[in-house]
Amino acid sequence: MIWFGGSIPEAINAAKQQGRIFVVVITGDDEQSTQLMSSWEDDRVVKETMECCVAIRIDAKSDICVQFSEIYPVVCVPSTFFIGDNGIPLEVIAGSVSATDLMGRINSVKQMHNQASAPVDSSSRENASSASASQPTLSVGSSTVEPATPPAYSQSIISRYRTCSHRDWTSGPPSPEFSG
């Protein structure tokens, strides 16, 4: 995988300028993280992401991860965030996935990103607001959740992450706003 070498803001700007998906991969020093990185290094995945993604890898114990998790809660390590042009995650993968599964997720995210980025003609503007193809999704194992609105999506992330079998709280236990 060709990882972006700059900061998160630089990666975001590069993704926007190039019309690509911004990908953040959070990893630790555990077996699941090693398995996930192996999937990201698979030749098929590398080839698939070269033209569509700006990807950055972040250590779960870093200050950068703490800052990132202030915007996008990171409560499971490893995690992969696919973030669209508008800053809303298109998909979040909690835990490790095989290279084949990752390829499927990347293809799904590419379709959502392309549909969200496609120009809308005047006859379909009314339908654009009701289109569900660009809705964010959260995947934990084989389950996928497609929330109706971004606030519901945030709550969905929080509740689904609680079911993740491997947790690595990067800055202590979750804050009170995420418990309950």
N, C-alpha and C. Protein backbone atom coordinates (compact mmCIF):
# COMPACT_ATOMS: atom_id res chain seq x y z
N MET A 1 0.85 -1.18 0.00
CA MET A 1 0.00 0.00 0.00
C MET A 1 0.89 1.24 0.00
N ILE A 2 0.49 2.20 -0.75
CA ILE A 2 1.22 3.47 -0.75
C ILE A 2 0.50 4.39 0.22
N TRP A 3 1.11 4.60 1.38
CA TRP A 3 0.52 5.42 2.42
C TRP A 3 0.91 6.87 2.22
N PHE A 4 -0.03 7.77 2.45
CA PHE A 4 0.24 9.20 2.35
C PHE A 4 1.23 9.58 3.44
N GLY A 5 2.23 10.35 3.10
CA GLY A 5 3.31 10.65 4.04
C GLY A 5 3.12 11.91 4.86
N GLY A 6 2.12 12.72 4.56
CA GLY A 6 1.93 13.97 5.27
C GLY A 6 0.96 13.85 6.43
N SER A 7 0.48 15.00 6.86
CA SER A 7 -0.45 15.08 7.99
C SER A 7 -1.88 14.76 7.52
N ILE A 8 -2.78 14.62 8.48
CA ILE A 8 -4.19 14.38 8.15
C ILE A 8 -4.76 15.54 7.33
N PRO A 9 -4.55 16.81 7.74
CA PRO A 9 -5.09 17.90 6.91
C PRO A 9 -4.53 17.88 5.48
N GLU A 10 -3.26 17.55 5.33
CA GLU A 10 -2.67 17.46 3.99
C GLU A 10 -3.31 16.32 3.20
N ALA A 11 -3.56 15.20 3.86
CA ALA A 11 -4.19 14.06 3.20
C ALA A 11 -5.62 14.40 2.78
N ILE A 12 -6.34 15.10 3.64
CA ILE A 12 -7.71 15.52 3.31
C ILE A 12 -7.70 16.42 2.08
N ASN A 13 -6.79 17.40 2.08
CA ASN A 13 -6.70 18.31 0.94
C ASN A 13 -6.34 17.56 -0.34
N ALA A 14 -5.41 16.63 -0.25
CA ALA A 14 -5.02 15.84 -1.43
C ALA A 14 -6.21 15.04 -1.95
N ALA A 15 -6.96 14.42 -1.04
CA ALA A 15 -8.13 13.64 -1.44
C ALA A 15 -9.16 14.52 -2.13
N LYS A 16 -9.43 15.69 -1.57
CA LYS A 16 -10.41 16.60 -2.17
C LYS A 16 -9.95 17.10 -3.53
N GLN A 17 -8.69 17.50 -3.62
CA GLN A 17 -8.17 18.02 -4.89
C GLN A 17 -8.19 16.96 -5.98
N GLN A 18 -7.96 15.72 -5.62
CA GLN A 18 -7.89 14.64 -6.59
C GLN A 18 -9.22 13.92 -6.77
N GLY A 19 -10.24 14.32 -6.00
CA GLY A 19 -11.55 13.67 -6.09
C GLY A 19 -11.52 12.24 -5.60
N ARG A 20 -10.69 11.96 -4.61
CA ARG A 20 -10.53 10.60 -4.10
C ARG A 20 -11.17 10.44 -2.72
N ILE A 21 -11.27 9.20 -2.31
CA ILE A 21 -11.79 8.85 -0.99
C ILE A 21 -10.64 8.98 0.01
N PHE A 22 -10.92 9.59 1.15
CA PHE A 22 -9.94 9.71 2.22
C PHE A 22 -10.09 8.48 3.12
N VAL A 23 -9.01 7.74 3.29
CA VAL A 23 -9.04 6.50 4.07
C VAL A 23 -8.10 6.65 5.26
N VAL A 24 -8.61 6.34 6.45
CA VAL A 24 -7.79 6.36 7.66
C VAL A 24 -7.82 4.96 8.25
N VAL A 25 -6.63 4.38 8.41
CA VAL A 25 -6.50 3.05 8.99
C VAL A 25 -5.82 3.20 10.34
N ILE A 26 -6.53 2.82 11.40
CA ILE A 26 -6.02 2.90 12.77
C ILE A 26 -5.57 1.51 13.18
N THR A 27 -4.31 1.38 13.58
CA THR A 27 -3.77 0.08 13.96
C THR A 27 -3.02 0.16 15.28
N GLY A 28 -2.90 -1.00 15.91
CA GLY A 28 -2.14 -1.12 17.15
C GLY A 28 -1.06 -2.17 16.99
N ASP A 29 -0.64 -2.73 18.12
CA ASP A 29 0.42 -3.75 18.14
C ASP A 29 -0.16 -5.14 18.39
N ASP A 30 -1.35 -5.40 17.88
CA ASP A 30 -2.04 -6.65 18.15
C ASP A 30 -2.18 -7.49 16.88
N GLU A 31 -2.63 -8.71 17.05
CA GLU A 31 -2.76 -9.64 15.93
C GLU A 31 -3.79 -9.17 14.89
N GLN A 32 -4.92 -8.62 15.36
CA GLN A 32 -5.93 -8.14 14.41
C GLN A 32 -5.38 -7.02 13.53
N SER A 33 -4.58 -6.14 14.13
CA SER A 33 -3.97 -5.05 13.35
C SER A 33 -3.00 -5.61 12.32
N THR A 34 -2.23 -6.61 12.71
CA THR A 34 -1.30 -7.25 11.79
C THR A 34 -2.05 -7.89 10.63
N GLN A 35 -3.17 -8.55 10.94
CA GLN A 35 -3.98 -9.18 9.89
C GLN A 35 -4.57 -8.13 8.95
N LEU A 36 -5.07 -7.03 9.52
CA LEU A 36 -5.64 -5.97 8.69
C LEU A 36 -4.58 -5.37 7.78
N MET A 37 -3.39 -5.13 8.32
CA MET A 37 -2.32 -4.56 7.50
C MET A 37 -1.92 -5.51 6.38
N SER A 38 -1.95 -6.80 6.65
CA SER A 38 -1.67 -7.79 5.62
C SER A 38 -2.70 -7.67 4.49
N SER A 39 -3.95 -7.44 4.84
CA SER A 39 -4.99 -7.26 3.83
C SER A 39 -4.74 -5.99 3.01
N TRP A 40 -4.35 -4.91 3.69
CA TRP A 40 -4.07 -3.66 2.98
C TRP A 40 -2.86 -3.77 2.07
N GLU A 41 -1.93 -4.65 2.39
CA GLU A 41 -0.71 -4.82 1.57
C GLU A 41 -0.90 -5.82 0.44
N ASP A 42 -2.04 -6.50 0.38
CA ASP A 42 -2.33 -7.44 -0.70
C ASP A 42 -2.28 -6.71 -2.04
N ASP A 43 -1.65 -7.33 -3.03
CA ASP A 43 -1.48 -6.70 -4.35
C ASP A 43 -2.79 -6.25 -4.98
N ARG A 44 -3.85 -7.04 -4.80
CA ARG A 44 -5.16 -6.69 -5.37
C ARG A 44 -5.70 -5.42 -4.73
N VAL A 45 -5.54 -5.30 -3.41
CA VAL A 45 -6.03 -4.12 -2.69
C VAL A 45 -5.22 -2.90 -3.10
N VAL A 46 -3.91 -3.05 -3.17
CA VAL A 46 -3.04 -1.94 -3.58
C VAL A 46 -3.45 -1.43 -4.95
N LYS A 47 -3.64 -2.34 -5.89
CA LYS A 47 -4.03 -1.95 -7.24
C LYS A 47 -5.38 -1.25 -7.25
N GLU A 48 -6.32 -1.77 -6.47
CA GLU A 48 -7.68 -1.22 -6.44
C GLU A 48 -7.71 0.19 -5.85
N THR A 49 -6.83 0.49 -4.91
CA THR A 49 -6.88 1.77 -4.21
C THR A 49 -5.99 2.84 -4.82
N MET A 50 -5.08 2.47 -5.71
CA MET A 50 -4.12 3.43 -6.25
C MET A 50 -4.77 4.64 -6.89
N GLU A 51 -5.87 4.46 -7.59
CA GLU A 51 -6.49 5.55 -8.33
C GLU A 51 -7.70 6.16 -7.64
N CYS A 52 -8.10 5.61 -6.49
CA CYS A 52 -9.34 6.12 -5.89
C CYS A 52 -9.20 6.59 -4.45
N CYS A 53 -8.06 6.33 -3.81
CA CYS A 53 -7.95 6.62 -2.38
C CYS A 53 -6.68 7.39 -2.04
N VAL A 54 -6.80 8.22 -1.03
CA VAL A 54 -5.64 8.79 -0.34
C VAL A 54 -5.71 8.18 1.06
N ALA A 55 -4.76 7.30 1.36
CA ALA A 55 -4.82 6.53 2.60
C ALA A 55 -3.70 6.94 3.55
N ILE A 56 -4.07 7.00 4.82
CA ILE A 56 -3.10 7.32 5.86
C ILE A 56 -3.25 6.30 6.98
N ARG A 57 -2.13 5.87 7.52
CA ARG A 57 -2.14 4.90 8.62
C ARG A 57 -1.75 5.64 9.90
N ILE A 58 -2.51 5.36 10.96
CA ILE A 58 -2.28 6.03 12.24
C ILE A 58 -2.13 4.99 13.33
N ASP A 59 -1.13 5.18 14.17
CA ASP A 59 -0.93 4.32 15.34
C ASP A 59 -1.98 4.67 16.39
N ALA A 60 -2.65 3.67 16.92
CA ALA A 60 -3.72 3.87 17.89
C ALA A 60 -3.26 4.59 19.15
N LYS A 61 -1.99 4.51 19.48
CA LYS A 61 -1.50 5.13 20.71
C LYS A 61 -0.93 6.52 20.49
N SER A 62 -1.06 7.05 19.29
CA SER A 62 -0.47 8.35 18.97
C SER A 62 -1.41 9.50 19.31
N ASP A 63 -0.82 10.68 19.46
CA ASP A 63 -1.61 11.89 19.67
C ASP A 63 -2.48 12.19 18.45
N ILE A 64 -2.00 11.84 17.28
CA ILE A 64 -2.78 12.04 16.05
C ILE A 64 -4.08 11.25 16.12
N CYS A 65 -4.01 10.03 16.64
CA CYS A 65 -5.21 9.21 16.77
C CYS A 65 -6.19 9.84 17.76
N VAL A 66 -5.66 10.35 18.85
CA VAL A 66 -6.51 11.01 19.85
C VAL A 66 -7.23 12.20 19.20
N GLN A 67 -6.50 12.99 18.43
CA GLN A 67 -7.10 14.14 17.75
C GLN A 67 -8.14 13.69 16.73
N PHE A 68 -7.83 12.67 15.95
CA PHE A 68 -8.77 12.14 14.97
C PHE A 68 -10.05 11.65 15.65
N SER A 69 -9.89 10.98 16.79
CA SER A 69 -11.05 10.41 17.48
C SER A 69 -11.93 11.46 18.13
N GLU A 70 -11.47 12.70 18.20
CA GLU A 70 -12.34 13.78 18.67
C GLU A 70 -13.43 14.08 17.65
N ILE A 71 -13.15 13.79 16.38
CA ILE A 71 -14.12 14.01 15.31
C ILE A 71 -14.83 12.72 14.95
N TYR A 72 -14.06 11.65 14.80
CA TYR A 72 -14.58 10.33 14.45
C TYR A 72 -14.21 9.39 15.59
N PRO A 73 -15.15 9.02 16.44
CA PRO A 73 -14.82 8.17 17.60
C PRO A 73 -14.11 6.88 17.19
N VAL A 74 -12.93 6.69 17.76
CA VAL A 74 -12.14 5.48 17.51
C VAL A 74 -12.18 4.69 18.81
N VAL A 75 -13.02 3.68 18.85
CA VAL A 75 -13.15 2.89 20.07
C VAL A 75 -12.80 1.43 19.86
N CYS A 76 -12.42 1.07 18.64
CA CYS A 76 -12.03 -0.29 18.33
C CYS A 76 -10.78 -0.25 17.47
N VAL A 77 -9.82 -1.05 17.83
CA VAL A 77 -8.57 -1.13 17.07
C VAL A 77 -8.38 -2.56 16.63
N PRO A 78 -8.15 -2.78 15.37
CA PRO A 78 -8.00 -1.82 14.28
C PRO A 78 -9.35 -1.34 13.75
N SER A 79 -9.31 -0.21 13.08
CA SER A 79 -10.49 0.35 12.41
C SER A 79 -10.05 0.97 11.09
N THR A 80 -10.96 0.96 10.14
CA THR A 80 -10.72 1.61 8.86
C THR A 80 -11.89 2.54 8.59
N PHE A 81 -11.58 3.80 8.30
CA PHE A 81 -12.58 4.81 7.99
C PHE A 81 -12.44 5.20 6.52
N PHE A 82 -13.54 5.09 5.76
CA PHE A 82 -13.60 5.57 4.39
C PHE A 82 -14.44 6.84 4.44
N ILE A 83 -13.84 7.99 4.19
CA ILE A 83 -14.51 9.27 4.39
C ILE A 83 -14.72 9.96 3.05
N GLY A 84 -15.95 10.40 2.81
CA GLY A 84 -16.31 11.06 1.56
C GLY A 84 -15.95 12.53 1.54
N ASP A 85 -16.27 13.17 0.43
CA ASP A 85 -15.95 14.59 0.22
C ASP A 85 -16.54 15.50 1.29
N ASN A 86 -17.71 15.15 1.78
CA ASN A 86 -18.41 15.99 2.75
C ASN A 86 -17.98 15.72 4.20
N GLY A 87 -17.02 14.83 4.40
CA GLY A 87 -16.53 14.54 5.74
C GLY A 87 -17.31 13.45 6.47
N ILE A 88 -18.36 12.96 5.86
CA ILE A 88 -19.15 11.90 6.48
C ILE A 88 -18.56 10.55 6.08
N PRO A 89 -18.33 9.67 7.06
CA PRO A 89 -17.80 8.35 6.71
C PRO A 89 -18.76 7.60 5.78
N LEU A 90 -18.22 7.09 4.69
CA LEU A 90 -19.00 6.25 3.79
C LEU A 90 -19.13 4.85 4.36
N GLU A 91 -18.08 4.42 5.04
CA GLU A 91 -18.09 3.11 5.71
C GLU A 91 -17.00 3.12 6.77
N VAL A 92 -17.27 2.40 7.85
CA VAL A 92 -16.30 2.19 8.91
C VAL A 92 -16.21 0.69 9.13
N ILE A 93 -15.00 0.16 9.07
CA ILE A 93 -14.78 -1.26 9.32
C ILE A 93 -14.12 -1.40 10.68
N ALA A 94 -14.79 -2.07 11.58
CA ALA A 94 -14.25 -2.31 12.92
C ALA A 94 -13.63 -3.70 12.94
N GLY A 95 -12.34 -3.76 13.24
CA GLY A 95 -11.66 -5.04 13.30
C GLY A 95 -10.95 -5.36 12.01
N SER A 96 -10.48 -6.59 11.92
CA SER A 96 -9.73 -7.06 10.77
C SER A 96 -10.66 -7.73 9.77
N VAL A 97 -10.34 -7.57 8.48
CA VAL A 97 -11.08 -8.25 7.42
C VAL A 97 -10.06 -8.84 6.44
N SER A 98 -10.48 -9.86 5.72
CA SER A 98 -9.61 -10.48 4.72
C SER A 98 -9.43 -9.53 3.55
N ALA A 99 -8.42 -9.79 2.74
CA ALA A 99 -8.18 -8.97 1.55
C ALA A 99 -9.38 -9.03 0.60
N THR A 100 -9.99 -10.20 0.47
CA THR A 100 -11.16 -10.36 -0.40
C THR A 100 -12.32 -9.52 0.11
N ASP A 101 -12.58 -9.57 1.42
CA ASP A 101 -13.65 -8.77 2.01
C ASP A 101 -13.33 -7.29 1.87
N LEU A 102 -12.08 -6.91 2.09
CA LEU A 102 -11.67 -5.52 1.96
C LEU A 102 -11.89 -5.03 0.53
N MET A 103 -11.60 -5.86 -0.45
CA MET A 103 -11.84 -5.51 -1.86
C MET A 103 -13.33 -5.21 -2.09
N GLY A 104 -14.19 -6.04 -1.53
CA GLY A 104 -15.62 -5.82 -1.66
C GLY A 104 -16.05 -4.51 -1.03
N ARG A 105 -15.51 -4.22 0.14
CA ARG A 105 -15.84 -2.98 0.83
C ARG A 105 -15.35 -1.77 0.03
N ILE A 106 -14.13 -1.87 -0.50
CA ILE A 106 -13.57 -0.77 -1.30
C ILE A 106 -14.44 -0.52 -2.53
N ASN A 107 -14.85 -1.58 -3.21
CA ASN A 107 -15.71 -1.42 -4.39
C ASN A 107 -17.04 -0.78 -4.04
N SER A 108 -17.61 -1.17 -2.91
CA SER A 108 -18.87 -0.59 -2.45
C SER A 108 -18.70 0.90 -2.14
N VAL A 109 -17.61 1.24 -1.46
CA VAL A 109 -17.33 2.63 -1.11
C VAL A 109 -17.08 3.45 -2.38
N LYS A 110 -16.38 2.88 -3.34
CA LYS A 110 -16.13 3.58 -4.61
C LYS A 110 -17.44 3.91 -5.31
N GLN A 111 -18.38 2.98 -5.29
CA GLN A 111 -19.68 3.24 -5.91
C GLN A 111 -20.41 4.37 -5.20
N MET A 112 -20.40 4.34 -3.87
CA MET A 112 -21.05 5.41 -3.11
C MET A 112 -20.39 6.75 -3.41
N HIS A 113 -19.06 6.76 -3.42
CA HIS A 113 -18.31 7.99 -3.67
C HIS A 113 -18.59 8.53 -5.07
N ASN A 114 -18.59 7.65 -6.06
CA ASN A 114 -18.85 8.07 -7.44
C ASN A 114 -20.26 8.61 -7.60
N GLN A 115 -21.24 7.99 -6.94
CA GLN A 115 -22.61 8.47 -7.02
C GLN A 115 -22.77 9.80 -6.30
N ALA A 116 -22.09 9.96 -5.18
CA ALA A 116 -22.17 11.21 -4.43
C ALA A 116 -21.46 12.34 -5.18
N SER A 117 -20.43 12.01 -5.96
CA SER A 117 -19.65 13.01 -6.69
C SER A 117 -20.19 13.30 -8.07
N ALA A 118 -21.09 12.46 -8.56
CA ALA A 118 -21.61 12.63 -9.92
C ALA A 118 -22.46 13.89 -10.01
N PRO A 119 -22.35 14.63 -11.13
CA PRO A 119 -23.19 15.81 -11.30
C PRO A 119 -24.66 15.41 -11.39
N VAL A 120 -25.51 16.25 -10.84
CA VAL A 120 -26.95 15.98 -10.83
C VAL A 120 -27.61 16.94 -11.80
N ASP A 121 -28.36 16.40 -12.78
CA ASP A 121 -29.04 17.28 -13.72
C ASP A 121 -30.32 17.81 -13.08
N SER A 122 -30.89 18.84 -13.68
CA SER A 122 -32.02 19.52 -13.07
C SER A 122 -33.24 18.62 -12.91
N SER A 123 -33.42 17.62 -13.77
CA SER A 123 -34.60 16.76 -13.67
C SER A 123 -34.52 15.78 -12.51
N SER A 124 -33.32 15.56 -11.98
CA SER A 124 -33.21 14.58 -10.90
C SER A 124 -32.81 15.21 -9.57
N ARG A 125 -32.87 16.54 -9.48
CA ARG A 125 -32.50 17.19 -8.22
C ARG A 125 -33.43 16.79 -7.07
N GLU A 126 -34.73 16.63 -7.39
CA GLU A 126 -35.67 16.25 -6.32
C GLU A 126 -35.33 14.87 -5.78
N ASN A 127 -34.90 13.97 -6.64
CA ASN A 127 -34.60 12.61 -6.23
C ASN A 127 -33.25 12.50 -5.53
N ALA A 128 -32.38 13.47 -5.72
CA ALA A 128 -31.03 13.38 -5.15
C ALA A 128 -31.07 13.38 -3.63
N SER A 129 -32.01 14.14 -3.05
CA SER A 129 -32.04 14.19 -1.59
C SER A 129 -32.55 12.89 -0.98
N SER A 130 -33.29 12.11 -1.76
CA SER A 130 -33.80 10.86 -1.22
C SER A 130 -32.96 9.65 -1.60
N ALA A 131 -31.90 9.87 -2.35
CA ALA A 131 -31.05 8.75 -2.77
C ALA A 131 -30.36 8.14 -1.58
N SER A 132 -30.43 6.83 -1.47
CA SER A 132 -29.80 6.16 -0.34
C SER A 132 -28.43 5.61 -0.67
N ALA A 133 -28.01 5.68 -1.91
CA ALA A 133 -26.73 5.09 -2.31
C ALA A 133 -25.54 5.76 -1.65
N SER A 134 -25.69 7.04 -1.27
CA SER A 134 -24.56 7.73 -0.66
C SER A 134 -24.65 7.74 0.86
N GLN A 135 -25.56 6.98 1.43
CA GLN A 135 -25.67 6.90 2.88
C GLN A 135 -24.44 6.23 3.46
N PRO A 136 -23.96 6.73 4.59
CA PRO A 136 -22.82 6.07 5.23
C PRO A 136 -23.23 4.71 5.77
N THR A 137 -22.27 3.80 5.85
CA THR A 137 -22.53 2.48 6.41
C THR A 137 -21.47 2.15 7.44
N LEU A 138 -21.81 1.28 8.36
CA LEU A 138 -20.87 0.79 9.36
C LEU A 138 -20.88 -0.72 9.27
N SER A 139 -19.71 -1.30 9.20
CA SER A 139 -19.61 -2.75 9.11
C SER A 139 -18.83 -3.30 10.28
N VAL A 140 -19.41 -4.27 10.96
CA VAL A 140 -18.74 -5.00 12.03
C VAL A 140 -18.92 -6.46 11.68
N GLY A 141 -17.83 -7.12 11.33
CA GLY A 141 -17.94 -8.49 10.87
C GLY A 141 -18.75 -8.54 9.60
N SER A 142 -19.80 -9.34 9.58
CA SER A 142 -20.61 -9.46 8.38
C SER A 142 -21.87 -8.59 8.44
N SER A 143 -22.06 -7.83 9.52
CA SER A 143 -23.24 -6.99 9.65
C SER A 143 -22.96 -5.59 9.11
N THR A 144 -23.94 -5.00 8.44
CA THR A 144 -23.82 -3.65 7.93
C THR A 144 -25.04 -2.86 8.36
N VAL A 145 -24.82 -1.64 8.81
CA VAL A 145 -25.89 -0.76 9.25
C VAL A 145 -25.90 0.45 8.32
N GLU A 146 -27.07 0.81 7.80
CA GLU A 146 -27.20 1.99 6.96
C GLU A 146 -28.20 2.93 7.63
N PRO A 147 -27.70 3.92 8.37
CA PRO A 147 -28.58 4.82 9.11
C PRO A 147 -29.30 5.80 8.20
N ALA A 148 -30.40 6.34 8.71
CA ALA A 148 -31.20 7.27 7.93
C ALA A 148 -30.62 8.68 7.95
N THR A 149 -30.03 9.10 9.05
CA THR A 149 -29.50 10.45 9.16
C THR A 149 -28.13 10.41 9.83
N PRO A 150 -27.30 11.44 9.61
CA PRO A 150 -25.99 11.44 10.27
C PRO A 150 -26.04 11.32 11.78
N PRO A 151 -26.98 12.01 12.52
CA PRO A 151 -26.99 11.80 13.97
C PRO A 151 -27.26 10.34 14.35
N ALA A 152 -28.19 9.70 13.65
CA ALA A 152 -28.45 8.28 13.92
C ALA A 152 -27.22 7.47 13.59
N TYR A 153 -26.50 7.88 12.57
CA TYR A 153 -25.27 7.19 12.18
C TYR A 153 -24.26 7.26 13.31
N SER A 154 -24.10 8.44 13.93
CA SER A 154 -23.16 8.57 15.03
C SER A 154 -23.53 7.63 16.17
N GLN A 155 -24.80 7.58 16.50
CA GLN A 155 -25.23 6.69 17.57
C GLN A 155 -25.03 5.24 17.16
N SER A 156 -25.24 4.94 15.89
CA SER A 156 -25.04 3.58 15.40
C SER A 156 -23.58 3.17 15.53
N ILE A 157 -22.67 4.07 15.18
CA ILE A 157 -21.24 3.77 15.32
C ILE A 157 -20.92 3.43 16.76
N ILE A 158 -21.39 4.27 17.66
CA ILE A 158 -21.09 4.08 19.08
C ILE A 158 -21.63 2.75 19.57
N SER A 159 -22.89 2.45 19.25
CA SER A 159 -23.46 1.20 19.76
C SER A 159 -22.84 -0.02 19.09
N ARG A 160 -22.55 0.04 17.80
CA ARG A 160 -21.96 -1.10 17.11
C ARG A 160 -20.52 -1.33 17.55
N TYR A 161 -19.77 -0.26 17.81
CA TYR A 161 -18.40 -0.42 18.27
C TYR A 161 -18.36 -1.12 19.62
N ARG A 162 -19.39 -0.93 20.42
CA ARG A 162 -19.41 -1.58 21.74
C ARG A 162 -19.43 -3.10 21.60
N THR A 163 -19.87 -3.59 20.45
CA THR A 163 -19.92 -5.04 20.25
C THR A 163 -18.60 -5.60 19.72
N CYS A 164 -17.67 -4.73 19.40
CA CYS A 164 -16.38 -5.18 18.86
C CYS A 164 -15.65 -5.98 19.93
N SER A 165 -15.10 -7.12 19.54
CA SER A 165 -14.47 -8.02 20.51
C SER A 165 -13.10 -7.55 20.95
N HIS A 166 -12.47 -6.66 20.20
CA HIS A 166 -11.13 -6.21 20.54
C HIS A 166 -11.16 -4.70 20.72
N ARG A 167 -10.86 -4.23 21.91
CA ARG A 167 -10.88 -2.80 22.17
C ARG A 167 -9.51 -2.34 22.62
N ASP A 168 -9.18 -1.17 22.21
CA ASP A 168 -7.94 -0.55 22.64
C ASP A 168 -8.25 0.93 22.80
N TRP A 169 -8.67 1.33 23.97
CA TRP A 169 -9.01 2.72 24.21
C TRP A 169 -7.72 3.52 24.18
N THR A 170 -7.62 4.43 23.24
CA THR A 170 -6.37 5.15 23.03
C THR A 170 -6.13 6.24 24.06
N SER A 171 -7.14 6.69 24.72
CA SER A 171 -6.93 7.76 25.70
C SER A 171 -7.72 7.46 26.97
N GLY A 172 -7.65 6.23 27.44
CA GLY A 172 -8.39 5.84 28.63
C GLY A 172 -9.76 5.34 28.24
N PRO A 173 -10.65 5.19 29.21
CA PRO A 173 -12.00 4.71 28.92
C PRO A 173 -12.76 5.73 28.09
N PRO A 174 -13.86 5.30 27.46
CA PRO A 174 -14.63 6.24 26.65
C PRO A 174 -15.16 7.38 27.49
N SER A 175 -15.30 8.54 26.86
CA SER A 175 -15.81 9.70 27.57
C SER A 175 -17.27 9.47 27.92
N PRO A 176 -17.79 10.18 28.95
CA PRO A 176 -19.17 9.99 29.39
C PRO A 176 -20.19 10.20 28.27
N GLU A 177 -19.89 11.09 27.31
CA GLU A 177 -20.85 11.33 26.24
C GLU A 177 -21.05 10.12 25.34
N PHE A 178 -20.11 9.16 25.36
CA PHE A 178 -20.24 7.97 24.54
C PHE A 178 -20.63 6.74 25.34
N SER A 179 -20.92 6.88 26.59
CA SER A 179 -21.33 5.72 27.38
C SER A 179 -22.82 5.80 27.63
N GLY A 180 -23.36 4.70 28.00
CA GLY A 180 -24.78 4.76 28.33
C GLY A 180 -25.53 3.65 27.84
